[in-house]
């Protein structure tokens, strides 16, 4: 009577510590679930020193959001999955206006929500501060 009654389903279970295949699968799953390290934010170049603070903030928010999205995707398929999801490459997004980029990437920031005069001025510029084509 010291044994518990066994069920047929119990005989199919394998102790995870005794199975090398299960241990290998667990290790692969653990490494796959770890997010990829986010790339370091590039510092603004010398030509960007003349940029308005609003444009610098917009570029920083866009770069941050792009890196968040790309780091959430599998490493080898980031560009392809990004293109499927958004319909364009990450570099192509930078050709859109700031307003369009914020809508596409779902970026919400209080300073850009109220659209002050300076914000309205840069909302129609692209990522590089030029008029889009």
C-alpha atoms as a PDB file:
ATOM      1  CA  UNK A   1       0.000   0.000   0.000  1.00  0.00           C
ATOM      2  CA  UNK A   2       2.991   2.306   0.009  1.00  0.00           C
ATOM      3  CA  UNK A   3       2.651   2.812  -3.770  1.00  0.00           C
ATOM      4  CA  UNK A   4       0.198   5.269  -5.205  1.00  0.00           C
ATOM      5  CA  UNK A   5      -2.028   3.918  -7.927  1.00  0.00           C
ATOM      6  CA  UNK A   6      -0.419   4.693 -11.266  1.00  0.00           C
ATOM      7  CA  UNK A   7      -2.282   6.024 -14.218  1.00  0.00           C
ATOM      8  CA  UNK A   8      -1.381   5.373 -17.851  1.00  0.00           C
ATOM      9  CA  UNK A   9      -0.600   9.085 -18.346  1.00  0.00           C
ATOM     10  CA  UNK A  10       2.042   8.951 -15.581  1.00  0.00           C
ATOM     11  CA  UNK A  11       4.042   6.360 -17.468  1.00  0.00           C
ATOM     12  CA  UNK A  12       4.474   8.762 -20.387  1.00  0.00           C
ATOM     13  CA  UNK A  13       6.011  11.516 -18.296  1.00  0.00           C
ATOM     14  CA  UNK A  14       9.789  11.770 -18.190  1.00  0.00           C
ATOM     15  CA  UNK A  15      11.711  13.271 -15.352  1.00  0.00           C
ATOM     16  CA  UNK A  16      13.149  16.497 -16.832  1.00  0.00           C
ATOM     17  CA  UNK A  17      16.480  15.954 -15.093  1.00  0.00           C
ATOM     18  CA  UNK A  18      16.984  12.575 -16.739  1.00  0.00           C
ATOM     19  CA  UNK A  19      16.245  13.547 -20.339  1.00  0.00           C
ATOM     20  CA  UNK A  20      19.059  15.135 -22.310  1.00  0.00           C
ATOM     21  CA  UNK A  21      16.674  16.104 -25.108  1.00  0.00           C
ATOM     22  CA  UNK A  22      14.342  17.943 -22.750  1.00  0.00           C
ATOM     23  CA  UNK A  23      17.288  19.691 -21.139  1.00  0.00           C
ATOM     24  CA  UNK A  24      18.568  20.801 -24.572  1.00  0.00           C
ATOM     25  CA  UNK A  25      15.098  22.080 -25.548  1.00  0.00           C
ATOM     26  CA  UNK A  26      14.847  23.994 -22.267  1.00  0.00           C
ATOM     27  CA  UNK A  27      18.222  25.656 -22.858  1.00  0.00           C
ATOM     28  CA  UNK A  28      17.285  26.656 -26.407  1.00  0.00           C
ATOM     29  CA  UNK A  29      13.972  28.093 -25.239  1.00  0.00           C
ATOM     30  CA  UNK A  30      15.676  30.063 -22.464  1.00  0.00           C
ATOM     31  CA  UNK A  31      18.170  31.646 -24.863  1.00  0.00           C
ATOM     32  CA  UNK A  32      15.460  32.381 -27.446  1.00  0.00           C
ATOM     33  CA  UNK A  33      13.286  34.204 -24.901  1.00  0.00           C
ATOM     34  CA  UNK A  34      16.041  36.580 -23.834  1.00  0.00           C
ATOM     35  CA  UNK A  35      15.697  39.930 -25.609  1.00  0.00           C
ATOM     36  CA  UNK A  36      18.539  40.964 -27.861  1.00  0.00           C
ATOM     37  CA  UNK A  37      20.660  43.765 -26.436  1.00  0.00           C
ATOM     38  CA  UNK A  38      19.485  47.119 -27.694  1.00  0.00           C
ATOM     39  CA  UNK A  39      22.027  48.934 -29.830  1.00  0.00           C
ATOM     40  CA  UNK A  40      23.628  51.945 -28.242  1.00  0.00           C
ATOM     41  CA  UNK A  41      21.965  55.212 -29.135  1.00  0.00           C
ATOM     42  CA  UNK A  42      24.162  57.052 -31.623  1.00  0.00           C
ATOM     43  CA  UNK A  43      25.286  60.416 -30.390  1.00  0.00           C
ATOM     44  CA  UNK A  44      24.237  63.358 -32.478  1.00  0.00           C
ATOM     45  CA  UNK A  45      26.837  64.377 -35.020  1.00  0.00           C
ATOM     46  CA  UNK A  46      28.365  67.822 -35.349  1.00  0.00           C
ATOM     47  CA  UNK A  47      25.887  68.852 -38.037  1.00  0.00           C
ATOM     48  CA  UNK A  48      23.058  68.003 -35.641  1.00  0.00           C
ATOM     49  CA  UNK A  49      24.154  70.643 -33.129  1.00  0.00           C
ATOM     50  CA  UNK A  50      22.129  73.227 -35.055  1.00  0.00           C
ATOM     51  CA  UNK A  51      19.019  71.084 -34.736  1.00  0.00           C
ATOM     52  CA  UNK A  52      16.122  72.342 -32.668  1.00  0.00           C
ATOM     53  CA  UNK A  53      15.516  70.591 -29.333  1.00  0.00           C
ATOM     54  CA  UNK A  54      12.085  69.456 -30.553  1.00  0.00           C
ATOM     55  CA  UNK A  55      13.608  67.755 -33.590  1.00  0.00           C
ATOM     56  CA  UNK A  56      16.297  66.154 -31.418  1.00  0.00           C
ATOM     57  CA  UNK A  57      13.598  64.828 -29.069  1.00  0.00           C
ATOM     58  CA  UNK A  58      11.561  63.502 -31.995  1.00  0.00           C
ATOM     59  CA  UNK A  59      14.598  61.709 -33.443  1.00  0.00           C
ATOM     60  CA  UNK A  60      15.457  60.242 -30.066  1.00  0.00           C
ATOM     61  CA  UNK A  61      11.900  58.941 -29.572  1.00  0.00           C
ATOM     62  CA  UNK A  62      11.849  57.446 -33.083  1.00  0.00           C
ATOM     63  CA  UNK A  63      15.235  55.756 -32.640  1.00  0.00           C
ATOM     64  CA  UNK A  64      14.201  54.407 -29.252  1.00  0.00           C
ATOM     65  CA  UNK A  65      10.918  53.009 -30.573  1.00  0.00           C
ATOM     66  CA  UNK A  66      12.600  51.454 -33.628  1.00  0.00           C
ATOM     67  CA  UNK A  67      15.178  49.729 -31.427  1.00  0.00           C
ATOM     68  CA  UNK A  68      12.412  48.473 -29.087  1.00  0.00           C
ATOM     69  CA  UNK A  69      10.475  47.008 -32.000  1.00  0.00           C
ATOM     70  CA  UNK A  70      13.525  45.444 -33.634  1.00  0.00           C
ATOM     71  CA  UNK A  71      14.833  43.970 -30.381  1.00  0.00           C
ATOM     72  CA  UNK A  72      11.485  42.246 -29.810  1.00  0.00           C
ATOM     73  CA  UNK A  73      11.779  40.437 -33.155  1.00  0.00           C
ATOM     74  CA  UNK A  74      13.944  37.336 -33.749  1.00  0.00           C
ATOM     75  CA  UNK A  75      17.521  38.298 -34.557  1.00  0.00           C
ATOM     76  CA  UNK A  76      17.798  36.809 -38.042  1.00  0.00           C
ATOM     77  CA  UNK A  77      14.390  37.972 -39.232  1.00  0.00           C
ATOM     78  CA  UNK A  78      14.116  41.500 -37.840  1.00  0.00           C
ATOM     79  CA  UNK A  79      14.133  43.407 -41.117  1.00  0.00           C
ATOM     80  CA  UNK A  80      11.769  41.007 -42.906  1.00  0.00           C
ATOM     81  CA  UNK A  81       9.241  40.861 -40.055  1.00  0.00           C
ATOM     82  CA  UNK A  82       9.439  44.643 -39.632  1.00  0.00           C
ATOM     83  CA  UNK A  83       8.692  45.063 -43.330  1.00  0.00           C
ATOM     84  CA  UNK A  84       5.744  42.670 -43.110  1.00  0.00           C
ATOM     85  CA  UNK A  85       4.327  44.461 -40.081  1.00  0.00           C
ATOM     86  CA  UNK A  86       4.847  48.074 -41.203  1.00  0.00           C
ATOM     87  CA  UNK A  87       5.051  47.727 -44.997  1.00  0.00           C
ATOM     88  CA  UNK A  88       8.536  49.233 -45.311  1.00  0.00           C
ATOM     89  CA  UNK A  89      12.120  48.923 -44.135  1.00  0.00           C
ATOM     90  CA  UNK A  90      13.209  50.761 -40.965  1.00  0.00           C
ATOM     91  CA  UNK A  91      15.294  53.174 -43.073  1.00  0.00           C
ATOM     92  CA  UNK A  92      12.315  53.934 -45.324  1.00  0.00           C
ATOM     93  CA  UNK A  93      10.248  55.027 -42.334  1.00  0.00           C
ATOM     94  CA  UNK A  94      12.677  57.888 -41.805  1.00  0.00           C
ATOM     95  CA  UNK A  95      11.576  59.364 -45.156  1.00  0.00           C
ATOM     96  CA  UNK A  96       8.038  59.932 -43.845  1.00  0.00           C
ATOM     97  CA  UNK A  97       6.998  63.048 -41.936  1.00  0.00           C
ATOM     98  CA  UNK A  98       7.427  63.085 -38.168  1.00  0.00           C
ATOM     99  CA  UNK A  99       3.656  63.080 -37.768  1.00  0.00           C
ATOM    100  CA  UNK A 100       3.312  59.960 -39.934  1.00  0.00           C
ATOM    101  CA  UNK A 101       6.169  58.188 -38.171  1.00  0.00           C
ATOM    102  CA  UNK A 102       4.635  58.861 -34.756  1.00  0.00           C
ATOM    103  CA  UNK A 103       1.289  57.494 -35.937  1.00  0.00           C
ATOM    104  CA  UNK A 104       2.826  54.433 -37.603  1.00  0.00           C
ATOM    105  CA  UNK A 105       5.059  53.501 -34.674  1.00  0.00           C
ATOM    106  CA  UNK A 106       2.399  54.476 -32.112  1.00  0.00           C
ATOM    107  CA  UNK A 107       4.641  56.928 -30.281  1.00  0.00           C
ATOM    108  CA  UNK A 108       2.857  59.029 -27.679  1.00  0.00           C
ATOM    109  CA  UNK A 109       4.704  61.802 -25.933  1.00  0.00           C
ATOM    110  CA  UNK A 110       3.033  64.646 -24.012  1.00  0.00           C
ATOM    111  CA  UNK A 111       5.156  67.310 -25.672  1.00  0.00           C
ATOM    112  CA  UNK A 112       4.055  66.150 -29.135  1.00  0.00           C
ATOM    113  CA  UNK A 113       0.411  65.611 -28.226  1.00  0.00           C
ATOM    114  CA  UNK A 114      -0.323  69.304 -27.564  1.00  0.00           C
ATOM    115  CA  UNK A 115       1.306  70.426 -30.852  1.00  0.00           C
ATOM    116  CA  UNK A 116       2.737  73.799 -29.905  1.00  0.00           C
ATOM    117  CA  UNK A 117       4.001  76.110 -32.678  1.00  0.00           C
ATOM    118  CA  UNK A 118       7.444  74.484 -32.720  1.00  0.00           C
ATOM    119  CA  UNK A 119       5.920  71.010 -32.766  1.00  0.00           C
ATOM    120  CA  UNK A 120       3.668  71.911 -35.694  1.00  0.00           C
ATOM    121  CA  UNK A 121       6.705  73.217 -37.542  1.00  0.00           C
ATOM    122  CA  UNK A 122       8.653  69.955 -37.261  1.00  0.00           C
ATOM    123  CA  UNK A 123       5.609  67.684 -37.660  1.00  0.00           C
ATOM    124  CA  UNK A 124       5.736  68.149 -41.428  1.00  0.00           C
ATOM    125  CA  UNK A 125       9.488  67.504 -41.708  1.00  0.00           C
ATOM    126  CA  UNK A 126      11.076  64.080 -42.109  1.00  0.00           C
ATOM    127  CA  UNK A 127      13.547  62.426 -39.748  1.00  0.00           C
ATOM    128  CA  UNK A 128      16.464  64.378 -41.204  1.00  0.00           C
ATOM    129  CA  UNK A 129      14.730  67.757 -40.894  1.00  0.00           C
ATOM    130  CA  UNK A 130      13.927  68.114 -44.587  1.00  0.00           C
ATOM    131  CA  UNK A 131      10.643  68.371 -46.443  1.00  0.00           C
ATOM    132  CA  UNK A 132       9.558  64.874 -47.596  1.00  0.00           C
ATOM    133  CA  UNK A 133       9.330  64.168 -51.300  1.00  0.00           C
END
